[in-house]
PDB file of N, CA and C in Angstrom:
ATOM      1  N   MET A   1    -136.096-140.175  60.436  1.00  0.00           N
ATOM      2  CA  MET A   1    -137.181-140.418  60.060  1.00  0.00           C
ATOM      3  C   MET A   1    -137.161-141.194  59.119  1.00  0.00           C
ATOM      4  N   THR A   2    -135.884-141.141  58.088  1.00  0.00           N
ATOM      5  CA  THR A   2    -135.390-141.641  57.256  1.00  0.00           C
ATOM      6  C   THR A   2    -134.992-143.785  57.920  1.00  0.00           C
ATOM      7  N   ALA A   3    -135.102-143.511  58.842  1.00  0.00           N
ATOM      8  CA  ALA A   3    -134.177-144.843  59.882  1.00  0.00           C
ATOM      9  C   ALA A   3    -135.709-145.782  60.095  1.00  0.00           C
ATOM     10  N   VAL A   4    -137.112-145.137  60.518  1.00  0.00           N
ATOM     11  CA  VAL A   4    -137.582-145.329  60.638  1.00  0.00           C
ATOM     12  C   VAL A   4    -138.477-146.006  59.164  1.00  0.00           C
ATOM     13  N   SER A   5    -138.434-145.898  58.144  1.00  0.00           N
ATOM     14  CA  SER A   5    -139.038-146.393  56.987  1.00  0.00           C
ATOM     15  C   SER A   5    -137.925-147.061  56.265  1.00  0.00           C
ATOM     16  N   ALA A   6    -137.401-147.203  56.166  1.00  0.00           N
ATOM     17  CA  ALA A   6    -136.104-148.085  55.901  1.00  0.00           C
ATOM     18  C   ALA A   6    -136.476-149.649  57.002  1.00  0.00           C
ATOM     19  N   PHE A   7    -136.557-148.660  58.366  1.00  0.00           N
ATOM     20  CA  PHE A   7    -137.190-150.342  59.059  1.00  0.00           C
ATOM     21  C   PHE A   7    -138.391-150.543  58.671  1.00  0.00           C
ATOM     22  N   LEU A   8    -139.435-149.829  58.819  1.00  0.00           N
ATOM     23  CA  LEU A   8    -140.319-150.682  58.399  1.00  0.00           C
ATOM     24  C   LEU A   8    -140.390-151.172  56.734  1.00  0.00           C
ATOM     25  N   ALA A   9    -139.126-150.776  55.843  1.00  0.00           N
ATOM     26  CA  ALA A   9    -139.526-151.610  54.422  1.00  0.00           C
ATOM     27  C   ALA A   9    -138.472-152.996  54.405  1.00  0.00           C
ATOM     28  N   GLY A  10    -137.984-152.991  55.551  1.00  0.00           N
ATOM     29  CA  GLY A  10    -137.534-154.539  56.455  1.00  0.00           C
ATOM     30  C   GLY A  10    -138.401-155.518  56.041  1.00  0.00           C
ATOM     31  N   ILE A  11    -139.432-154.772  57.470  1.00  0.00           N
ATOM     32  CA  ILE A  11    -140.353-155.896  57.935  1.00  0.00           C
ATOM     33  C   ILE A  11    -141.530-155.963  56.836  1.00  0.00           C
ATOM     34  N   LYS A  12    -141.158-155.153  56.120  1.00  0.00           N
ATOM     35  CA  LYS A  12    -142.208-155.288  54.797  1.00  0.00           C
ATOM     36  C   LYS A  12    -141.452-156.785  53.823  1.00  0.00           C
ATOM     37  N   ARG A  13    -140.976-156.723  53.650  1.00  0.00           N
ATOM     38  CA  ARG A  13    -139.583-157.684  52.941  1.00  0.00           C
ATOM     39  C   ARG A  13    -139.310-159.102  53.644  1.00  0.00           C
ATOM     40  N   THR A  14    -139.327-158.858  55.072  1.00  0.00           N
ATOM     41  CA  THR A  14    -139.181-160.058  55.652  1.00  0.00           C
ATOM     42  C   THR A  14    -140.863-160.780  55.479  1.00  0.00           C
ATOM     43  N   THR A  15    -141.501-160.249  56.465  1.00  0.00           N
ATOM     44  CA  THR A  15    -142.555-160.101  57.077  1.00  0.00           C
ATOM     45  C   THR A  15    -143.742-160.169  55.645  1.00  0.00           C
ATOM     46  N   GLY A  16    -143.893-159.312  54.828  1.00  0.00           N
ATOM     47  CA  GLY A  16    -144.834-158.839  54.092  1.00  0.00           C
ATOM     48  C   GLY A  16    -145.716-157.985  54.893  1.00  0.00           C
ATOM     49  N   LEU A  17    -145.656-158.022  56.419  1.00  0.00           N
ATOM     50  CA  LEU A  17    -146.458-156.609  56.612  1.00  0.00           C
ATOM     51  C   LEU A  17    -146.109-155.276  56.761  1.00  0.00           C
ATOM     52  N   THR A  18    -147.374-154.714  56.311  1.00  0.00           N
ATOM     53  CA  THR A  18    -147.043-153.221  55.936  1.00  0.00           C
ATOM     54  C   THR A  18    -148.466-152.538  56.806  1.00  0.00           C
ATOM     55  N   PRO A  19    -147.861-151.072  56.574  1.00  0.00           N
ATOM     56  CA  PRO A  19    -149.094-149.848  57.151  1.00  0.00           C
ATOM     57  C   PRO A  19    -150.187-149.798  56.727  1.00  0.00           C
ATOM     58  N   SER A  20    -151.100-150.088  57.010  1.00  0.00           N
ATOM     59  CA  SER A  20    -152.222-149.887  56.445  1.00  0.00           C
ATOM     60  C   SER A  20    -152.236-148.284  56.321  1.00  0.00           C
ATOM     61  N   ILE A  21    -152.630-147.902  54.424  1.00  0.00           N
ATOM     62  CA  ILE A  21    -152.991-146.444  54.355  1.00  0.00           C
ATOM     63  C   ILE A  21    -154.018-146.672  53.928  1.00  0.00           C
ATOM     64  N   LYS A  22    -155.541-147.420  54.521  1.00  0.00           N
ATOM     65  CA  LYS A  22    -157.238-147.635  54.352  1.00  0.00           C
ATOM     66  C   LYS A  22    -157.460-146.610  54.827  1.00  0.00           C
ATOM     67  N   SER A  23    -158.589-145.631  54.020  1.00  0.00           N
ATOM     68  CA  SER A  23    -159.012-144.314  54.570  1.00  0.00           C
ATOM     69  C   SER A  23    -160.031-144.429  55.994  1.00  0.00           C
ATOM     70  N   ASP A  24    -160.320-145.477  56.262  1.00  0.00           N
ATOM     71  CA  ASP A  24    -160.944-145.840  57.869  1.00  0.00           C
ATOM     72  C   ASP A  24    -159.508-145.667  58.440  1.00  0.00           C
ATOM     73  N   LYS A  25    -158.091-146.033  58.381  1.00  0.00           N
ATOM     74  CA  LYS A  25    -157.358-146.183  59.482  1.00  0.00           C
ATOM     75  C   LYS A  25    -156.539-144.928  59.840  1.00  0.00           C
ATOM     76  N   ILE A  26    -156.718-144.333  58.936  1.00  0.00           N
ATOM     77  CA  ILE A  26    -155.465-142.972  58.415  1.00  0.00           C
ATOM     78  C   ILE A  26    -156.467-141.313  58.343  1.00  0.00           C
ATOM     79  N   SER A  27    -156.804-141.782  57.439  1.00  0.00           N
ATOM     80  CA  SER A  27    -157.375-140.749  56.787  1.00  0.00           C
ATOM     81  C   SER A  27    -158.254-139.924  55.689  1.00  0.00           C
ATOM     82  N   GLU A  28    -158.638-139.296  54.849  1.00  0.00           N
ATOM     83  CA  GLU A  28    -159.702-139.841  53.836  1.00  0.00           C
ATOM     84  C   GLU A  28    -158.782-138.697  53.382  1.00  0.00           C
ATOM     85  N   SER A  29    -157.656-137.992  53.639  1.00  0.00           N
ATOM     86  CA  SER A  29    -157.129-137.164  52.725  1.00  0.00           C
ATOM     87  C   SER A  29    -156.179-137.700  51.759  1.00  0.00           C
ATOM     88  N   ARG A  30    -156.446-137.557  50.376  1.00  0.00           N
ATOM     89  CA  ARG A  30    -155.599-138.450  49.302  1.00  0.00           C
ATOM     90  C   ARG A  30    -154.317-137.449  49.533  1.00  0.00           C
ATOM     91  N   GLU A  31    -154.018-136.224  49.994  1.00  0.00           N
ATOM     92  CA  GLU A  31    -152.032-135.921  49.944  1.00  0.00           C
ATOM     93  C   GLU A  31    -151.393-136.382  51.072  1.00  0.00           C
ATOM     94  N   LEU A  32    -152.262-136.958  52.269  1.00  0.00           N
ATOM     95  CA  LEU A  32    -151.878-137.611  53.090  1.00  0.00           C
ATOM     96  C   LEU A  32    -151.185-138.647  53.211  1.00  0.00           C
ATOM     97  N   LYS A  33    -152.631-138.906  52.381  1.00  0.00           N
ATOM     98  CA  LYS A  33    -152.333-141.038  51.519  1.00  0.00           C
ATOM     99  C   LYS A  33    -151.060-140.974  50.607  1.00  0.00           C
ATOM    100  N   ARG A  34    -151.098-140.497  50.162  1.00  0.00           N
ATOM    101  CA  ARG A  34    -149.706-139.630  49.009  1.00  0.00           C
ATOM    102  C   ARG A  34    -147.954-139.692  49.749  1.00  0.00           C
ATOM    103  N   TRP A  35    -148.332-138.610  51.155  1.00  0.00           N
ATOM    104  CA  TRP A  35    -147.357-138.569  51.705  1.00  0.00           C
ATOM    105  C   TRP A  35    -146.871-139.845  52.073  1.00  0.00           C
ATOM    106  N   VAL A  36    -147.549-141.038  52.768  1.00  0.00           N
ATOM    107  CA  VAL A  36    -147.531-141.769  53.174  1.00  0.00           C
ATOM    108  C   VAL A  36    -147.063-142.892  52.468  1.00  0.00           C
ATOM    109  N   ASP A  37    -147.533-142.637  51.442  1.00  0.00           N
ATOM    110  CA  ASP A  37    -147.141-143.756  49.875  1.00  0.00           C
ATOM    111  C   ASP A  37    -145.042-143.584  50.123  1.00  0.00           C
ATOM    112  N   ASN A  38    -145.326-142.416  49.619  1.00  0.00           N
ATOM    113  CA  ASN A  38    -143.860-141.559  49.398  1.00  0.00           C
ATOM    114  C   ASN A  38    -142.834-141.735  50.020  1.00  0.00           C
ATOM    115  N   TYR A  39    -143.393-141.683  51.302  1.00  0.00           N
ATOM    116  CA  TYR A  39    -142.679-141.535  52.672  1.00  0.00           C
ATOM    117  C   TYR A  39    -141.868-143.166  52.666  1.00  0.00           C
ATOM    118  N   LEU A  40    -142.904-144.487  52.746  1.00  0.00           N
ATOM    119  CA  LEU A  40    -142.870-145.728  52.274  1.00  0.00           C
ATOM    120  C   LEU A  40    -141.294-145.951  51.331  1.00  0.00           C
ATOM    121  N   GLY A  41    -142.154-145.739  50.204  1.00  0.00           N
ATOM    122  CA  GLY A  41    -141.015-145.772  48.598  1.00  0.00           C
ATOM    123  C   GLY A  41    -139.973-145.260  49.451  1.00  0.00           C
ATOM    124  N   MET A  42    -140.185-144.472  49.727  1.00  0.00           N
ATOM    125  CA  MET A  42    -138.498-143.610  50.571  1.00  0.00           C
ATOM    126  C   MET A  42    -137.777-144.579  50.963  1.00  0.00           C
ATOM    127  N   GLY A  43    -138.294-145.365  51.875  1.00  0.00           N
ATOM    128  CA  GLY A  43    -137.885-146.916  52.351  1.00  0.00           C
ATOM    129  C   GLY A  43    -137.077-148.367  52.329  1.00  0.00           C
ATOM    130  N   GLU A  44    -138.432-147.577  51.302  1.00  0.00           N
ATOM    131  CA  GLU A  44    -137.912-149.323  50.122  1.00  0.00           C
ATOM    132  C   GLU A  44    -136.463-148.582  49.067  1.00  0.00           C
ATOM    133  N   TRP A  45    -136.303-147.570  48.786  1.00  0.00           N
ATOM    134  CA  TRP A  45    -135.173-146.855  47.956  1.00  0.00           C
ATOM    135  C   TRP A  45    -134.019-147.069  48.733  1.00  0.00           C
ATOM    136  N   VAL A  46    -134.054-146.661  50.138  1.00  0.00           N
ATOM    137  CA  VAL A  46    -132.768-146.750  51.300  1.00  0.00           C
ATOM    138  C   VAL A  46    -132.144-148.144  51.455  1.00  0.00           C
ATOM    139  N   MET A  47    -133.555-149.042  51.762  1.00  0.00           N
ATOM    140  CA  MET A  47    -133.025-150.270  51.627  1.00  0.00           C
ATOM    141  C   MET A  47    -132.387-150.726  50.620  1.00  0.00           C
ATOM    142  N   ASP A  48    -133.078-150.234  48.964  1.00  0.00           N
ATOM    143  CA  ASP A  48    -131.917-151.210  48.314  1.00  0.00           C
ATOM    144  C   ASP A  48    -130.868-150.562  48.019  1.00  0.00           C
ATOM    145  N   GLN A  49    -130.324-149.165  48.434  1.00  0.00           N
ATOM    146  CA  GLN A  49    -129.680-148.628  47.875  1.00  0.00           C
ATOM    147  C   GLN A  49    -128.528-149.077  49.178  1.00  0.00           C
ATOM    148  N   SER A  50    -128.807-149.202  50.663  1.00  0.00           N
ATOM    149  CA  SER A  50    -127.803-150.445  51.469  1.00  0.00           C
ATOM    150  C   SER A  50    -127.117-151.683  51.788  1.00  0.00           C
ATOM    151  N   VAL A  51    -128.509-152.399  50.772  1.00  0.00           N
ATOM    152  CA  VAL A  51    -128.299-153.648  50.373  1.00  0.00           C
ATOM    153  C   VAL A  51    -127.209-153.793  49.344  1.00  0.00           C
ATOM    154  N   ALA A  52    -127.217-152.816  48.636  1.00  0.00           N
ATOM    155  CA  ALA A  52    -126.603-153.039  47.500  1.00  0.00           C
ATOM    156  C   ALA A  52    -124.844-152.396  47.561  1.00  0.00           C
ATOM    157  N   VAL A  53    -125.030-151.582  48.657  1.00  0.00           N
ATOM    158  CA  VAL A  53    -123.384-150.889  49.301  1.00  0.00           C
ATOM    159  C   VAL A  53    -122.902-151.908  49.492  1.00  0.00           C
ATOM    160  N   LEU A  54    -123.473-152.689  50.541  1.00  0.00           N
ATOM    161  CA  LEU A  54    -123.243-153.528  51.663  1.00  0.00           C
ATOM    162  C   LEU A  54    -122.795-154.983  50.846  1.00  0.00           C
ATOM    163  N   GLY A  55    -123.764-155.182  49.783  1.00  0.00           N
ATOM    164  CA  GLY A  55    -123.709-156.237  49.007  1.00  0.00           C
ATOM    165  C   GLY A  55    -122.412-156.633  48.510  1.00  0.00           C
ATOM    166  N   SER A  56    -121.726-155.063  48.183  1.00  0.00           N
ATOM    167  CA  SER A  56    -120.299-154.833  47.445  1.00  0.00           C
ATOM    168  C   SER A  56    -119.523-154.476  48.212  1.00  0.00           C
ATOM    169  N   SER A  57    -119.544-154.582  49.342  1.00  0.00           N
ATOM    170  CA  SER A  57    -118.365-154.658  50.560  1.00  0.00           C
ATOM    171  C   SER A  57    -117.621-155.704  50.516  1.00  0.00           C
ATOM    172  N   GLY A  58    -116.015-155.828  51.155  1.00  0.00           N
ATOM    173  CA  GLY A  58    -115.730-156.702  51.938  1.00  0.00           C
ATOM    174  C   GLY A  58    -116.289-157.078  53.131  1.00  0.00           C
ATOM    175  N   TRP A  59    -116.514-156.239  53.620  1.00  0.00           N
ATOM    176  CA  TRP A  59    -117.111-156.371  54.942  1.00  0.00           C
ATOM    177  C   TRP A  59    -118.771-157.148  55.637  1.00  0.00           C
ATOM    178  N   PHE A  60    -119.196-157.397  54.485  1.00  0.00           N
ATOM    179  CA  PHE A  60    -120.689-158.447  54.626  1.00  0.00           C
ATOM    180  C   PHE A  60    -120.436-159.774  53.326  1.00  0.00           C
ATOM    181  N   GLU A  61    -121.314-160.362  54.093  1.00  0.00           N
ATOM    182  CA  GLU A  61    -121.757-161.888  52.341  1.00  0.00           C
ATOM    183  C   GLU A  61    -122.810-162.286  52.733  1.00  0.00           C
ATOM    184  N   ARG A  62    -123.268-162.763  51.854  1.00  0.00           N
ATOM    185  CA  ARG A  62    -125.117-163.479  51.803  1.00  0.00           C
ATOM    186  C   ARG A  62    -124.619-164.285  52.662  1.00  0.00           C
ATOM    187  N   ARG A  63    -125.805-165.457  53.174  1.00  0.00           N
ATOM    188  CA  ARG A  63    -125.810-166.194  53.452  1.00  0.00           C
ATOM    189  C   ARG A  63    -127.193-166.873  53.335  1.00  0.00           C
ATOM    190  N   ARG A  64    -127.667-167.629  52.728  1.00  0.00           N
ATOM    191  CA  ARG A  64    -129.089-168.250  52.667  1.00  0.00           C
ATOM    192  C   ARG A  64    -128.786-169.359  52.590  1.00  0.00           C
TER     193      ARG A  64
END
């Protein structure tokens, strides 16, 4: 589950696309919207931590 969230975070960062959490797309439930928002936020955190760890290792290098 965390991998899916991190995958969605990567898509957001590279393309700007993110799942829509508008009420007519998912649900009227505020609790469900908050859960989805937290889930996507967890993916952002996992992505940040992964980039930090991989960037500080000798196995990866930045190319831009």
